[in-house]
C-alpha atoms as a PDB file:
ATOM      1  CA  UNK A   1      65.044 145.516 181.361  1.00  0.00           C
ATOM      2  CA  UNK A   2      68.639 146.024 180.077  1.00  0.00           C
ATOM      3  CA  UNK A   3      69.849 147.643 183.256  1.00  0.00           C
ATOM      4  CA  UNK A   4      68.388 144.854 185.299  1.00  0.00           C
ATOM      5  CA  UNK A   5      69.988 142.230 183.069  1.00  0.00           C
ATOM      6  CA  UNK A   6      73.375 143.841 183.405  1.00  0.00           C
ATOM      7  CA  UNK A   7      73.046 143.923 187.156  1.00  0.00           C
ATOM      8  CA  UNK A   8      72.126 140.216 187.255  1.00  0.00           C
ATOM      9  CA  UNK A   9      74.733 139.276 184.751  1.00  0.00           C
ATOM     10  CA  UNK A  10      77.500 140.990 186.793  1.00  0.00           C
ATOM     11  CA  UNK A  11      76.506 138.963 189.847  1.00  0.00           C
ATOM     12  CA  UNK A  12      76.501 135.754 187.920  1.00  0.00           C
ATOM     13  CA  UNK A  13      79.626 136.342 185.840  1.00  0.00           C
ATOM     14  CA  UNK A  14      81.628 137.631 188.905  1.00  0.00           C
ATOM     15  CA  UNK A  15      81.413 134.287 190.566  1.00  0.00           C
ATOM     16  CA  UNK A  16      83.300 132.651 187.601  1.00  0.00           C
ATOM     17  CA  UNK A  17      85.836 135.444 187.277  1.00  0.00           C
ATOM     18  CA  UNK A  18      86.564 135.427 191.032  1.00  0.00           C
ATOM     19  CA  UNK A  19      87.278 131.692 190.774  1.00  0.00           C
ATOM     20  CA  UNK A  20      89.766 132.237 187.991  1.00  0.00           C
ATOM     21  CA  UNK A  21      91.460 135.265 189.599  1.00  0.00           C
ATOM     22  CA  UNK A  22      91.980 133.344 192.694  1.00  0.00           C
ATOM     23  CA  UNK A  23      93.360 130.226 191.157  1.00  0.00           C
ATOM     24  CA  UNK A  24      97.126 129.729 191.489  1.00  0.00           C
ATOM     25  CA  UNK A  25      97.253 127.447 188.563  1.00  0.00           C
ATOM     26  CA  UNK A  26      96.625 130.291 186.086  1.00  0.00           C
ATOM     27  CA  UNK A  27      99.233 132.593 187.671  1.00  0.00           C
ATOM     28  CA  UNK A  28     102.020 130.571 186.035  1.00  0.00           C
ATOM     29  CA  UNK A  29     100.889 132.041 182.742  1.00  0.00           C
ATOM     30  CA  UNK A  30     102.234 135.365 183.793  1.00  0.00           C
ATOM     31  CA  UNK A  31      98.903 137.222 183.975  1.00  0.00           C
ATOM     32  CA  UNK A  32      99.367 140.018 186.517  1.00  0.00           C
ATOM     33  CA  UNK A  33      96.135 139.673 188.376  1.00  0.00           C
ATOM     34  CA  UNK A  34      95.793 135.935 188.675  1.00  0.00           C
ATOM     35  CA  UNK A  35      96.324 134.207 191.970  1.00  0.00           C
ATOM     36  CA  UNK A  36      94.842 137.094 194.015  1.00  0.00           C
ATOM     37  CA  UNK A  37      94.535 136.597 197.845  1.00  0.00           C
ATOM     38  CA  UNK A  38      91.273 136.289 199.611  1.00  0.00           C
ATOM     39  CA  UNK A  39      91.068 139.956 200.497  1.00  0.00           C
ATOM     40  CA  UNK A  40      91.562 141.149 196.951  1.00  0.00           C
ATOM     41  CA  UNK A  41      89.163 138.513 195.616  1.00  0.00           C
ATOM     42  CA  UNK A  42      86.532 139.849 198.118  1.00  0.00           C
ATOM     43  CA  UNK A  43      87.166 143.395 196.913  1.00  0.00           C
ATOM     44  CA  UNK A  44      86.804 142.375 193.220  1.00  0.00           C
ATOM     45  CA  UNK A  45      83.460 140.653 194.093  1.00  0.00           C
ATOM     46  CA  UNK A  46      82.202 143.436 196.333  1.00  0.00           C
ATOM     47  CA  UNK A  47      83.339 146.753 194.919  1.00  0.00           C
ATOM     48  CA  UNK A  48      80.478 146.808 192.451  1.00  0.00           C
ATOM     49  CA  UNK A  49      78.026 146.728 195.258  1.00  0.00           C
ATOM     50  CA  UNK A  50      79.920 149.422 197.039  1.00  0.00           C
ATOM     51  CA  UNK A  51      79.771 151.529 193.883  1.00  0.00           C
ATOM     52  CA  UNK A  52      76.045 150.873 193.596  1.00  0.00           C
ATOM     53  CA  UNK A  53      75.511 152.004 197.207  1.00  0.00           C
ATOM     54  CA  UNK A  54      77.557 155.179 196.818  1.00  0.00           C
ATOM     55  CA  UNK A  55      75.984 156.217 193.528  1.00  0.00           C
ATOM     56  CA  UNK A  56      72.457 155.476 194.961  1.00  0.00           C
ATOM     57  CA  UNK A  57      73.134 157.898 197.713  1.00  0.00           C
ATOM     58  CA  UNK A  58      74.499 160.610 195.357  1.00  0.00           C
ATOM     59  CA  UNK A  59      71.763 160.148 192.772  1.00  0.00           C
ATOM     60  CA  UNK A  60      68.954 160.734 195.348  1.00  0.00           C
ATOM     61  CA  UNK A  61      70.114 164.437 195.663  1.00  0.00           C
ATOM     62  CA  UNK A  62      71.281 164.891 192.067  1.00  0.00           C
ATOM     63  CA  UNK A  63      68.499 163.221 190.102  1.00  0.00           C
ATOM     64  CA  UNK A  64      65.803 165.886 190.359  1.00  0.00           C
ATOM     65  CA  UNK A  65      68.242 168.401 188.795  1.00  0.00           C
ATOM     66  CA  UNK A  66      69.493 166.315 185.876  1.00  0.00           C
ATOM     67  CA  UNK A  67      66.441 164.286 184.848  1.00  0.00           C
ATOM     68  CA  UNK A  68      65.912 160.589 184.199  1.00  0.00           C
ATOM     69  CA  UNK A  69      67.247 160.446 180.611  1.00  0.00           C
ATOM     70  CA  UNK A  70      70.507 162.105 181.676  1.00  0.00           C
ATOM     71  CA  UNK A  71      70.782 159.627 184.593  1.00  0.00           C
ATOM     72  CA  UNK A  72      70.309 156.694 182.165  1.00  0.00           C
ATOM     73  CA  UNK A  73      72.832 158.068 179.718  1.00  0.00           C
ATOM     74  CA  UNK A  74      75.324 158.537 182.519  1.00  0.00           C
ATOM     75  CA  UNK A  75      74.696 154.961 183.745  1.00  0.00           C
ATOM     76  CA  UNK A  76      75.283 153.650 180.261  1.00  0.00           C
ATOM     77  CA  UNK A  77      78.507 155.633 180.004  1.00  0.00           C
ATOM     78  CA  UNK A  78      79.703 154.255 183.408  1.00  0.00           C
ATOM     79  CA  UNK A  79      78.824 150.740 182.256  1.00  0.00           C
ATOM     80  CA  UNK A  80      80.838 151.209 179.026  1.00  0.00           C
ATOM     81  CA  UNK A  81      83.915 152.791 180.566  1.00  0.00           C
ATOM     82  CA  UNK A  82      83.865 150.234 183.426  1.00  0.00           C
ATOM     83  CA  UNK A  83      83.636 147.309 181.066  1.00  0.00           C
ATOM     84  CA  UNK A  84      86.572 148.522 178.985  1.00  0.00           C
ATOM     85  CA  UNK A  85      88.459 149.294 182.193  1.00  0.00           C
ATOM     86  CA  UNK A  86      87.888 145.867 183.560  1.00  0.00           C
ATOM     87  CA  UNK A  87      88.921 144.174 180.376  1.00  0.00           C
ATOM     88  CA  UNK A  88      92.111 146.164 179.964  1.00  0.00           C
ATOM     89  CA  UNK A  89      93.066 146.512 183.598  1.00  0.00           C
ATOM     90  CA  UNK A  90      96.857 146.140 183.897  1.00  0.00           C
ATOM     91  CA  UNK A  91      96.668 145.369 187.661  1.00  0.00           C
ATOM     92  CA  UNK A  92      94.512 145.145 190.673  1.00  0.00           C
ATOM     93  CA  UNK A  93      94.118 148.801 191.419  1.00  0.00           C
ATOM     94  CA  UNK A  94      92.747 149.481 187.957  1.00  0.00           C
ATOM     95  CA  UNK A  95      90.475 146.501 188.189  1.00  0.00           C
ATOM     96  CA  UNK A  96      89.132 147.740 191.571  1.00  0.00           C
ATOM     97  CA  UNK A  97      88.451 151.158 190.138  1.00  0.00           C
ATOM     98  CA  UNK A  98      86.621 149.745 187.184  1.00  0.00           C
ATOM     99  CA  UNK A  99      84.500 147.456 189.399  1.00  0.00           C
ATOM    100  CA  UNK A 100      83.581 150.468 191.592  1.00  0.00           C
ATOM    101  CA  UNK A 101      82.596 152.442 188.474  1.00  0.00           C
ATOM    102  CA  UNK A 102      80.620 149.542 187.086  1.00  0.00           C
ATOM    103  CA  UNK A 103      78.751 149.408 190.385  1.00  0.00           C
ATOM    104  CA  UNK A 104      78.124 153.167 190.279  1.00  0.00           C
ATOM    105  CA  UNK A 105      76.454 152.647 186.826  1.00  0.00           C
ATOM    106  CA  UNK A 106      74.312 149.889 188.495  1.00  0.00           C
ATOM    107  CA  UNK A 107      73.193 152.284 191.182  1.00  0.00           C
ATOM    108  CA  UNK A 108      72.259 155.061 188.848  1.00  0.00           C
ATOM    109  CA  UNK A 109      70.447 152.758 186.437  1.00  0.00           C
ATOM    110  CA  UNK A 110      68.486 151.002 189.234  1.00  0.00           C
ATOM    111  CA  UNK A 111      67.248 154.374 190.415  1.00  0.00           C
ATOM    112  CA  UNK A 112      66.443 155.890 187.051  1.00  0.00           C
ATOM    113  CA  UNK A 113      65.038 153.038 184.989  1.00  0.00           C
ATOM    114  CA  UNK A 114      61.824 152.386 186.992  1.00  0.00           C
ATOM    115  CA  UNK A 115      61.153 156.067 187.334  1.00  0.00           C
ATOM    116  CA  UNK A 116      61.769 156.721 183.713  1.00  0.00           C
ATOM    117  CA  UNK A 117      59.436 153.831 182.673  1.00  0.00           C
ATOM    118  CA  UNK A 118      56.780 155.190 185.091  1.00  0.00           C
ATOM    119  CA  UNK A 119      57.018 158.682 183.669  1.00  0.00           C
ATOM    120  CA  UNK A 120      57.146 157.809 180.059  1.00  0.00           C
ATOM    121  CA  UNK A 121      55.245 154.578 179.439  1.00  0.00           C
ATOM    122  CA  UNK A 122      51.465 154.431 178.729  1.00  0.00           C
ATOM    123  CA  UNK A 123      49.445 153.642 181.906  1.00  0.00           C
ATOM    124  CA  UNK A 124      48.411 150.297 180.660  1.00  0.00           C
ATOM    125  CA  UNK A 125      52.161 149.107 180.254  1.00  0.00           C
ATOM    126  CA  UNK A 126      53.840 150.654 183.266  1.00  0.00           C
ATOM    127  CA  UNK A 127      53.560 147.700 185.537  1.00  0.00           C
ATOM    128  CA  UNK A 128      54.590 145.303 182.877  1.00  0.00           C
ATOM    129  CA  UNK A 129      57.644 147.235 181.855  1.00  0.00           C
ATOM    130  CA  UNK A 130      58.852 147.753 185.427  1.00  0.00           C
ATOM    131  CA  UNK A 131      58.341 144.086 186.151  1.00  0.00           C
ATOM    132  CA  UNK A 132      60.280 143.262 182.962  1.00  0.00           C
ATOM    133  CA  UNK A 133      63.196 145.174 184.395  1.00  0.00           C
ATOM    134  CA  UNK A 134      63.045 143.078 187.556  1.00  0.00           C
ATOM    135  CA  UNK A 135      62.797 139.926 185.565  1.00  0.00           C
ATOM    136  CA  UNK A 136      65.857 141.071 183.613  1.00  0.00           C
ATOM    137  CA  UNK A 137      67.922 141.088 186.820  1.00  0.00           C
ATOM    138  CA  UNK A 138      66.946 137.522 187.550  1.00  0.00           C
ATOM    139  CA  UNK A 139      67.479 136.308 184.014  1.00  0.00           C
ATOM    140  CA  UNK A 140      70.754 138.157 183.717  1.00  0.00           C
ATOM    141  CA  UNK A 141      71.961 136.408 186.865  1.00  0.00           C
ATOM    142  CA  UNK A 142      70.847 133.051 185.543  1.00  0.00           C
ATOM    143  CA  UNK A 143      72.764 133.698 182.235  1.00  0.00           C
ATOM    144  CA  UNK A 144      75.838 134.682 184.178  1.00  0.00           C
ATOM    145  CA  UNK A 145      75.775 131.522 186.410  1.00  0.00           C
ATOM    146  CA  UNK A 146      75.126 129.485 183.207  1.00  0.00           C
ATOM    147  CA  UNK A 147      78.197 130.918 181.556  1.00  0.00           C
ATOM    148  CA  UNK A 148      80.152 130.042 184.736  1.00  0.00           C
ATOM    149  CA  UNK A 149      78.927 126.519 184.562  1.00  0.00           C
ATOM    150  CA  UNK A 150      80.045 126.052 181.004  1.00  0.00           C
ATOM    151  CA  UNK A 151      83.201 128.169 181.095  1.00  0.00           C
ATOM    152  CA  UNK A 152      84.743 127.316 184.448  1.00  0.00           C
ATOM    153  CA  UNK A 153      83.697 123.633 184.778  1.00  0.00           C
END
């Protein structure tokens, strides 16, 4: 459920961050990434999806050799590194790389989590636990949009 929540939260929170990064009024504060043009804003918003797509393609071949647990640990590591990278990004290129890495973590987690649940959970809980992961994506998105409503309004 945590991986689904992070995916949803990223989608919801990105909408508020893109608005701030594209606002010229904040650029006067001297922040290096504020006031981005439309192309760069689009990249900030979409590079996580590109990373998810790329890692999903790679993990299909790699997963049987490394196992679900290793996949989930790799996804967690990517999430962590990308989060720090996004927070400390000194410019657009670093932010773009961190967004792609975050998306790669999403792709790996979305592949591994339901399979790991299916392989390890008792039969009577499997469906419920996989559904909770999916609900996590929706609730994470709602939380992200809620933060946007409060923070950016």
